[in-house]
């Protein structure tokens, strides 16, 4: 499936795509097998192609995408990673039952079978270290929102 702006197009439905310079702007005209035609900016087209998985690699059992929930009660949701998607631009993205990056932005931490937790912005040696740090964040957020005691 190719995501072109707000439109999703199955790759198998694309019959032809042509670059055109229209009114000093590079566009791509896309013809579909059902005789539908639409136009998209060249940058959107190139970005969609770069992000479309070129290869799928099975994930090792025991690999999870982690999503901390900071609404009470605190919890860390674990979604099994079933595969890895390798895109044309060389990015590896985890795939869960909810799709690439579990439908998220792509910076979610991953728990590996070794017990390590890794993300694009930080790494933890163990799940316990990751969980402790997330609990501190949760506590700090809810301490700031605690009701202020009043003198009665």
N, C-alpha and C. Protein backbone atom coordinates (compact mmCIF):
# COMPACT_ATOMS: atom_id res chain seq x y z
N UNK A 1 0.85 -1.17 0.00
CA UNK A 1 0.00 0.00 0.00
C UNK A 1 0.90 1.24 0.00
N UNK A 2 0.64 2.14 -0.88
CA UNK A 2 1.41 3.37 -1.00
C UNK A 2 0.58 4.50 -0.40
N UNK A 3 1.13 5.20 0.60
CA UNK A 3 0.41 6.31 1.23
C UNK A 3 0.83 7.60 0.53
N UNK A 4 -0.11 8.18 -0.20
CA UNK A 4 0.14 9.40 -0.95
C UNK A 4 -0.71 10.51 -0.37
N UNK A 5 -0.15 11.24 0.58
CA UNK A 5 -0.94 12.24 1.29
C UNK A 5 -1.99 11.55 2.12
N UNK A 6 -3.25 11.88 1.90
CA UNK A 6 -4.35 11.25 2.64
C UNK A 6 -4.88 10.01 1.93
N UNK A 7 -4.33 9.69 0.78
CA UNK A 7 -4.83 8.59 -0.05
C UNK A 7 -3.91 7.37 0.07
N UNK A 8 -4.51 6.19 0.21
CA UNK A 8 -3.77 4.93 0.20
C UNK A 8 -4.06 4.21 -1.12
N UNK A 9 -2.99 3.80 -1.80
CA UNK A 9 -3.14 3.18 -3.11
C UNK A 9 -2.39 1.85 -3.11
N UNK A 10 -3.08 0.75 -3.41
CA UNK A 10 -2.37 -0.53 -3.53
C UNK A 10 -1.39 -0.46 -4.70
N UNK A 11 -0.15 -0.92 -4.48
CA UNK A 11 0.84 -0.89 -5.54
C UNK A 11 0.36 -1.65 -6.78
N UNK A 12 -0.40 -2.72 -6.56
CA UNK A 12 -0.87 -3.53 -7.68
C UNK A 12 -1.89 -2.79 -8.55
N UNK A 13 -2.46 -1.69 -8.04
CA UNK A 13 -3.45 -0.95 -8.83
C UNK A 13 -2.83 0.15 -9.66
N UNK A 14 -1.52 0.38 -9.52
CA UNK A 14 -0.86 1.44 -10.30
C UNK A 14 -0.45 0.88 -11.65
N UNK A 15 -1.00 1.47 -12.70
CA UNK A 15 -0.67 1.03 -14.05
C UNK A 15 0.54 1.80 -14.59
N UNK A 16 0.58 3.11 -14.31
CA UNK A 16 1.65 3.94 -14.83
C UNK A 16 1.75 5.20 -13.98
N UNK A 17 2.97 5.72 -13.85
CA UNK A 17 3.21 7.00 -13.15
C UNK A 17 4.18 7.81 -14.00
N UNK A 18 3.83 9.08 -14.24
CA UNK A 18 4.65 9.96 -15.07
C UNK A 18 4.93 11.26 -14.36
N UNK A 19 6.19 11.70 -14.42
CA UNK A 19 6.54 13.02 -13.88
C UNK A 19 6.18 14.08 -14.90
N UNK A 20 5.64 15.18 -14.40
CA UNK A 20 5.27 16.30 -15.27
C UNK A 20 5.64 17.60 -14.58
N UNK A 21 6.10 18.55 -15.36
CA UNK A 21 6.33 19.90 -14.86
C UNK A 21 5.10 20.72 -15.27
N UNK A 22 4.28 21.04 -14.29
CA UNK A 22 3.04 21.77 -14.55
C UNK A 22 3.08 23.05 -13.74
N UNK A 23 2.97 24.17 -14.44
CA UNK A 23 2.99 25.50 -13.80
C UNK A 23 4.18 25.62 -12.85
N UNK A 24 5.36 25.24 -13.35
CA UNK A 24 6.62 25.34 -12.61
C UNK A 24 6.66 24.50 -11.33
N UNK A 25 5.89 23.44 -11.31
CA UNK A 25 5.85 22.55 -10.16
C UNK A 25 5.92 21.10 -10.66
N UNK A 26 6.84 20.31 -10.07
CA UNK A 26 6.96 18.91 -10.46
C UNK A 26 5.88 18.09 -9.79
N UNK A 27 5.11 17.39 -10.63
CA UNK A 27 4.02 16.54 -10.17
C UNK A 27 4.18 15.15 -10.77
N UNK A 28 3.46 14.19 -10.22
CA UNK A 28 3.41 12.84 -10.76
C UNK A 28 1.95 12.53 -11.06
N UNK A 29 1.67 12.19 -12.32
CA UNK A 29 0.34 11.73 -12.71
C UNK A 29 0.32 10.22 -12.57
N UNK A 30 -0.63 9.71 -11.84
CA UNK A 30 -0.72 8.28 -11.57
C UNK A 30 -1.98 7.74 -12.23
N UNK A 31 -1.80 6.74 -13.11
CA UNK A 31 -2.92 6.05 -13.74
C UNK A 31 -3.11 4.72 -13.03
N UNK A 32 -4.35 4.44 -12.66
CA UNK A 32 -4.68 3.18 -11.99
C UNK A 32 -5.33 2.22 -12.98
N UNK A 33 -5.33 0.95 -12.65
CA UNK A 33 -5.88 -0.07 -13.55
C UNK A 33 -7.38 0.10 -13.76
N UNK A 34 -8.07 0.77 -12.84
CA UNK A 34 -9.51 0.98 -13.01
C UNK A 34 -9.81 2.27 -13.79
N UNK A 35 -8.81 2.79 -14.51
CA UNK A 35 -8.90 4.01 -15.32
C UNK A 35 -9.03 5.29 -14.51
N UNK A 36 -8.84 5.19 -13.21
CA UNK A 36 -8.80 6.40 -12.37
C UNK A 36 -7.43 7.05 -12.56
N UNK A 37 -7.37 8.36 -12.45
CA UNK A 37 -6.11 9.09 -12.58
C UNK A 37 -6.11 10.19 -11.51
N UNK A 38 -4.95 10.37 -10.89
CA UNK A 38 -4.81 11.47 -9.95
C UNK A 38 -3.40 12.01 -10.04
N UNK A 39 -3.21 13.19 -9.48
CA UNK A 39 -1.91 13.86 -9.52
C UNK A 39 -1.45 14.11 -8.09
N UNK A 40 -0.16 13.93 -7.87
CA UNK A 40 0.42 14.14 -6.54
C UNK A 40 1.76 14.85 -6.73
N UNK A 41 2.16 15.65 -5.75
CA UNK A 41 3.44 16.33 -5.83
C UNK A 41 4.57 15.31 -5.87
N UNK A 42 5.62 15.63 -6.62
CA UNK A 42 6.75 14.73 -6.77
C UNK A 42 7.37 14.38 -5.42
N UNK A 43 7.49 15.35 -4.52
CA UNK A 43 8.09 15.08 -3.21
C UNK A 43 7.26 14.08 -2.40
N UNK A 44 5.94 14.16 -2.51
CA UNK A 44 5.06 13.21 -1.81
C UNK A 44 5.24 11.81 -2.40
N UNK A 45 5.32 11.74 -3.72
CA UNK A 45 5.52 10.46 -4.42
C UNK A 45 6.84 9.81 -3.99
N UNK A 46 7.93 10.61 -4.03
CA UNK A 46 9.24 10.08 -3.68
C UNK A 46 9.30 9.64 -2.22
N UNK A 47 8.68 10.42 -1.34
CA UNK A 47 8.65 10.06 0.08
C UNK A 47 7.88 8.76 0.28
N UNK A 48 6.75 8.61 -0.40
CA UNK A 48 5.95 7.39 -0.27
C UNK A 48 6.73 6.17 -0.76
N UNK A 49 7.42 6.31 -1.88
CA UNK A 49 8.21 5.19 -2.39
C UNK A 49 9.34 4.82 -1.43
N UNK A 50 10.00 5.83 -0.87
CA UNK A 50 11.11 5.57 0.06
C UNK A 50 10.63 4.87 1.32
N UNK A 51 9.41 5.17 1.76
CA UNK A 51 8.90 4.60 3.01
C UNK A 51 8.16 3.27 2.81
N UNK A 52 7.86 2.92 1.59
CA UNK A 52 7.14 1.68 1.34
C UNK A 52 8.09 0.50 1.54
N UNK A 53 7.70 -0.46 2.35
CA UNK A 53 8.60 -1.60 2.60
C UNK A 53 8.99 -2.31 1.32
N UNK A 54 10.28 -2.56 1.20
CA UNK A 54 10.81 -3.29 0.06
C UNK A 54 11.03 -4.75 0.42
N UNK A 55 11.21 -5.00 1.71
CA UNK A 55 11.48 -6.36 2.16
C UNK A 55 10.92 -6.51 3.57
N UNK A 56 10.39 -7.69 3.86
CA UNK A 56 9.89 -8.01 5.19
C UNK A 56 10.77 -9.11 5.77
N UNK A 57 11.16 -8.93 7.04
CA UNK A 57 12.01 -9.88 7.73
C UNK A 57 11.27 -10.30 9.00
N UNK A 58 11.08 -11.60 9.24
CA UNK A 58 10.39 -12.03 10.46
C UNK A 58 11.13 -11.55 11.71
N UNK A 59 10.36 -11.15 12.71
CA UNK A 59 10.95 -10.73 13.98
C UNK A 59 11.14 -11.96 14.87
N UNK A 60 12.14 -11.89 15.72
CA UNK A 60 12.39 -12.97 16.67
C UNK A 60 11.29 -12.98 17.72
N UNK A 61 10.83 -14.14 18.08
CA UNK A 61 9.81 -14.28 19.13
C UNK A 61 10.32 -13.61 20.40
N UNK A 62 9.46 -12.89 21.09
CA UNK A 62 9.85 -12.20 22.31
C UNK A 62 10.28 -10.76 22.07
N UNK A 63 10.00 -10.23 20.87
CA UNK A 63 10.30 -8.84 20.55
C UNK A 63 8.99 -8.06 20.66
N UNK A 64 9.03 -6.92 21.39
CA UNK A 64 7.81 -6.15 21.63
C UNK A 64 8.05 -4.66 21.42
N UNK A 65 7.04 -3.98 20.90
CA UNK A 65 7.03 -2.52 20.86
C UNK A 65 6.37 -2.07 22.16
N UNK A 66 6.98 -1.08 22.81
CA UNK A 66 6.50 -0.62 24.11
C UNK A 66 5.82 0.74 23.99
N UNK A 67 4.70 0.88 24.65
CA UNK A 67 3.98 2.15 24.66
C UNK A 67 3.55 2.45 26.10
N UNK A 68 4.25 3.36 26.78
CA UNK A 68 3.84 3.69 28.14
C UNK A 68 2.54 4.50 28.11
N UNK A 69 1.66 4.18 29.04
CA UNK A 69 0.39 4.90 29.17
C UNK A 69 0.49 5.76 30.43
N UNK A 70 0.48 7.06 30.24
CA UNK A 70 0.67 7.97 31.37
C UNK A 70 -0.64 8.44 31.99
N UNK A 71 -1.76 7.89 31.54
CA UNK A 71 -3.03 8.14 32.21
C UNK A 71 -3.18 7.09 33.30
N UNK A 72 -3.62 7.49 34.49
CA UNK A 72 -3.77 6.50 35.56
C UNK A 72 -4.72 5.39 35.14
N UNK A 73 -4.45 4.17 35.48
CA UNK A 73 -3.26 3.71 36.18
C UNK A 73 -2.11 3.55 35.18
N UNK A 74 -0.89 3.75 35.65
CA UNK A 74 0.29 3.62 34.80
C UNK A 74 0.42 2.18 34.31
N UNK A 75 0.73 2.03 33.05
CA UNK A 75 1.04 0.72 32.49
C UNK A 75 1.91 0.90 31.25
N UNK A 76 2.59 -0.16 30.89
CA UNK A 76 3.35 -0.18 29.64
C UNK A 76 2.73 -1.26 28.78
N UNK A 77 2.17 -0.84 27.65
CA UNK A 77 1.54 -1.78 26.74
C UNK A 77 2.63 -2.41 25.87
N UNK A 78 2.59 -3.73 25.77
CA UNK A 78 3.55 -4.48 24.95
C UNK A 78 2.80 -5.06 23.75
N UNK A 79 3.20 -4.64 22.55
CA UNK A 79 2.64 -5.20 21.32
C UNK A 79 3.69 -6.08 20.66
N UNK A 80 3.39 -7.34 20.38
CA UNK A 80 4.37 -8.21 19.74
C UNK A 80 4.78 -7.67 18.37
N UNK A 81 6.08 -7.62 18.13
CA UNK A 81 6.60 -7.27 16.81
C UNK A 81 6.64 -8.57 16.01
N UNK A 82 5.91 -8.60 14.90
CA UNK A 82 5.82 -9.83 14.12
C UNK A 82 6.81 -9.84 12.95
N UNK A 83 7.27 -8.64 12.53
CA UNK A 83 8.21 -8.56 11.41
C UNK A 83 8.89 -7.21 11.42
N UNK A 84 9.92 -7.09 10.59
CA UNK A 84 10.61 -5.83 10.36
C UNK A 84 10.44 -5.48 8.89
N UNK A 85 10.18 -4.20 8.62
CA UNK A 85 10.06 -3.72 7.24
C UNK A 85 11.31 -2.93 6.90
N UNK A 86 11.95 -3.30 5.80
CA UNK A 86 13.10 -2.56 5.30
C UNK A 86 12.61 -1.72 4.13
N UNK A 87 12.72 -0.39 4.26
CA UNK A 87 12.25 0.51 3.20
C UNK A 87 13.39 0.81 2.22
N UNK A 88 13.04 1.43 1.11
CA UNK A 88 14.03 1.76 0.08
C UNK A 88 15.09 2.72 0.59
N UNK A 89 14.75 3.52 1.61
CA UNK A 89 15.73 4.47 2.15
C UNK A 89 16.55 3.86 3.28
N UNK A 90 16.43 2.54 3.50
CA UNK A 90 17.27 1.84 4.46
C UNK A 90 16.77 1.87 5.89
N UNK A 91 15.58 2.35 6.12
CA UNK A 91 15.01 2.41 7.47
C UNK A 91 14.36 1.07 7.80
N UNK A 92 14.68 0.57 9.00
CA UNK A 92 14.03 -0.65 9.50
C UNK A 92 12.93 -0.21 10.45
N UNK A 93 11.72 -0.69 10.22
CA UNK A 93 10.58 -0.33 11.06
C UNK A 93 9.91 -1.59 11.57
N UNK A 94 9.55 -1.61 12.85
CA UNK A 94 8.85 -2.78 13.38
C UNK A 94 7.40 -2.81 12.91
N UNK A 95 6.91 -4.03 12.72
CA UNK A 95 5.52 -4.22 12.31
C UNK A 95 4.81 -5.04 13.37
N UNK A 96 3.67 -4.54 13.83
CA UNK A 96 2.82 -5.28 14.77
C UNK A 96 1.53 -5.63 14.03
N UNK A 97 0.59 -6.21 14.74
CA UNK A 97 -0.71 -6.49 14.12
C UNK A 97 -1.43 -5.21 13.71
N UNK A 98 -0.99 -4.07 14.25
CA UNK A 98 -1.60 -2.78 13.91
C UNK A 98 -0.83 -2.05 12.82
N UNK A 99 0.10 -2.71 12.16
CA UNK A 99 0.81 -2.11 11.04
C UNK A 99 2.22 -1.66 11.39
N UNK A 100 2.82 -0.92 10.45
CA UNK A 100 4.19 -0.43 10.63
C UNK A 100 4.22 0.55 11.79
N UNK A 101 5.19 0.37 12.68
CA UNK A 101 5.35 1.19 13.89
C UNK A 101 4.08 1.19 14.74
N UNK A 102 3.27 0.14 14.62
CA UNK A 102 2.04 0.02 15.39
C UNK A 102 1.13 1.22 15.14
N UNK A 103 1.29 1.87 13.98
CA UNK A 103 0.50 3.05 13.65
C UNK A 103 1.04 4.32 14.27
N UNK A 104 2.15 4.25 14.98
CA UNK A 104 2.73 5.41 15.66
C UNK A 104 3.77 6.12 14.80
N UNK A 105 4.44 7.12 15.38
CA UNK A 105 5.39 7.93 14.61
C UNK A 105 6.71 7.24 14.29
N UNK A 106 7.02 6.16 14.97
CA UNK A 106 8.24 5.44 14.63
C UNK A 106 9.38 5.60 15.59
N UNK A 107 9.16 6.20 16.75
CA UNK A 107 10.25 6.34 17.72
C UNK A 107 9.96 5.55 18.99
N UNK A 108 9.03 4.62 18.92
CA UNK A 108 8.66 3.82 20.08
C UNK A 108 9.79 2.86 20.44
N UNK A 109 10.01 2.65 21.73
CA UNK A 109 11.06 1.72 22.16
C UNK A 109 10.67 0.27 21.85
N UNK A 110 11.69 -0.53 21.63
CA UNK A 110 11.51 -1.95 21.33
C UNK A 110 12.21 -2.77 22.41
N UNK A 111 11.48 -3.74 22.97
CA UNK A 111 12.04 -4.69 23.92
C UNK A 111 12.47 -5.92 23.13
N UNK A 112 13.76 -6.24 23.21
CA UNK A 112 14.31 -7.38 22.49
C UNK A 112 14.37 -8.60 23.41
N UNK A 113 14.42 -9.80 22.83
CA UNK A 113 14.48 -11.02 23.64
C UNK A 113 15.66 -11.05 24.62
N UNK A 114 16.69 -10.28 24.36
CA UNK A 114 17.84 -10.22 25.26
C UNK A 114 17.53 -9.45 26.53
N UNK A 115 16.38 -8.74 26.55
CA UNK A 115 16.01 -7.92 27.69
C UNK A 115 16.34 -6.45 27.50
N UNK A 116 17.14 -6.13 26.48
CA UNK A 116 17.47 -4.73 26.21
C UNK A 116 16.28 -4.01 25.62
N UNK A 117 16.20 -2.71 25.89
CA UNK A 117 15.17 -1.85 25.30
C UNK A 117 15.90 -0.77 24.51
N UNK A 118 15.53 -0.64 23.24
CA UNK A 118 16.20 0.34 22.37
C UNK A 118 15.17 1.18 21.64
N UNK A 119 15.53 2.46 21.45
CA UNK A 119 14.71 3.37 20.65
C UNK A 119 15.66 4.28 19.89
N UNK A 120 15.15 5.05 18.93
CA UNK A 120 16.03 5.97 18.21
C UNK A 120 16.63 7.07 19.09
N UNK A 121 16.04 7.31 20.26
CA UNK A 121 16.50 8.41 21.11
C UNK A 121 17.18 7.98 22.40
N UNK A 122 17.02 6.71 22.83
CA UNK A 122 17.63 6.25 24.08
C UNK A 122 17.66 4.72 24.10
N UNK A 123 18.53 4.19 24.96
CA UNK A 123 18.64 2.74 25.14
C UNK A 123 18.71 2.43 26.63
N UNK A 124 18.19 1.26 27.01
CA UNK A 124 18.22 0.80 28.40
C UNK A 124 18.75 -0.62 28.39
N UNK A 125 19.55 -0.96 29.38
CA UNK A 125 20.14 -2.31 29.45
C UNK A 125 19.11 -3.38 29.76
N UNK A 126 18.06 -3.00 30.52
CA UNK A 126 17.04 -3.98 30.89
C UNK A 126 15.66 -3.34 30.81
N UNK A 127 14.67 -4.20 30.72
CA UNK A 127 13.29 -3.73 30.75
C UNK A 127 13.00 -3.04 32.09
N UNK A 128 13.57 -3.57 33.17
CA UNK A 128 13.38 -2.97 34.49
C UNK A 128 13.85 -1.53 34.56
N UNK A 129 15.02 -1.24 33.94
CA UNK A 129 15.52 0.15 33.90
C UNK A 129 14.57 1.04 33.12
N UNK A 130 14.08 0.54 31.99
CA UNK A 130 13.14 1.31 31.17
C UNK A 130 11.86 1.60 31.96
N UNK A 131 11.31 0.56 32.59
CA UNK A 131 10.07 0.71 33.34
C UNK A 131 10.25 1.70 34.49
N UNK A 132 11.36 1.62 35.22
CA UNK A 132 11.63 2.54 36.33
C UNK A 132 11.67 3.99 35.84
N UNK A 133 12.32 4.22 34.70
CA UNK A 133 12.39 5.58 34.16
C UNK A 133 11.01 6.08 33.75
N UNK A 134 10.21 5.22 33.15
CA UNK A 134 8.87 5.63 32.74
C UNK A 134 7.97 5.89 33.96
N UNK A 135 8.16 5.11 35.02
CA UNK A 135 7.39 5.36 36.26
C UNK A 135 7.76 6.72 36.86
N UNK A 136 9.04 7.10 36.78
CA UNK A 136 9.46 8.42 37.27
C UNK A 136 8.79 9.52 36.46
N UNK A 137 8.74 9.36 35.16
CA UNK A 137 8.08 10.34 34.30
C UNK A 137 6.60 10.43 34.67
N UNK A 138 5.97 9.28 34.84
CA UNK A 138 4.56 9.23 35.23
C UNK A 138 4.36 9.94 36.57
N UNK A 139 5.21 9.63 37.56
CA UNK A 139 5.10 10.25 38.88
C UNK A 139 5.28 11.76 38.81
N UNK A 140 6.25 12.22 38.02
CA UNK A 140 6.49 13.66 37.90
C UNK A 140 5.30 14.35 37.25
N UNK A 141 4.72 13.72 36.25
CA UNK A 141 3.57 14.34 35.56
C UNK A 141 2.38 14.43 36.50
N UNK A 142 2.18 13.41 37.31
CA UNK A 142 0.99 13.41 38.16
C UNK A 142 1.21 14.14 39.47
N UNK A 143 2.46 14.32 39.86
CA UNK A 143 2.75 15.14 41.04
C UNK A 143 2.45 16.61 40.72
N UNK A 144 2.81 17.05 39.50
CA UNK A 144 2.52 18.41 39.09
C UNK A 144 1.04 18.69 39.02
N UNK A 145 0.24 17.64 38.74
CA UNK A 145 -1.21 17.81 38.60
C UNK A 145 -1.98 17.49 39.87
N UNK A 146 -1.26 17.19 40.95
CA UNK A 146 -1.93 16.85 42.21
C UNK A 146 -2.66 18.06 42.75
N UNK A 147 -3.79 17.87 43.40
CA UNK A 147 -4.51 19.00 43.98
C UNK A 147 -3.68 19.68 45.07
N UNK A 148 -3.78 20.96 45.14
CA UNK A 148 -3.04 21.73 46.14
C UNK A 148 -3.84 21.72 47.43
N UNK A 149 -3.22 21.25 48.54
CA UNK A 149 -3.97 21.22 49.79
C UNK A 149 -4.33 22.64 50.24
N UNK A 150 -5.50 22.78 50.83
CA UNK A 150 -5.94 24.08 51.34
C UNK A 150 -6.05 24.02 52.84
N UNK A 151 -5.85 25.17 53.47
CA UNK A 151 -6.02 25.24 54.92
C UNK A 151 -7.50 25.22 55.23
N UNK A 152 -7.90 24.35 56.10
CA UNK A 152 -9.32 24.20 56.38
C UNK A 152 -9.66 24.72 57.66
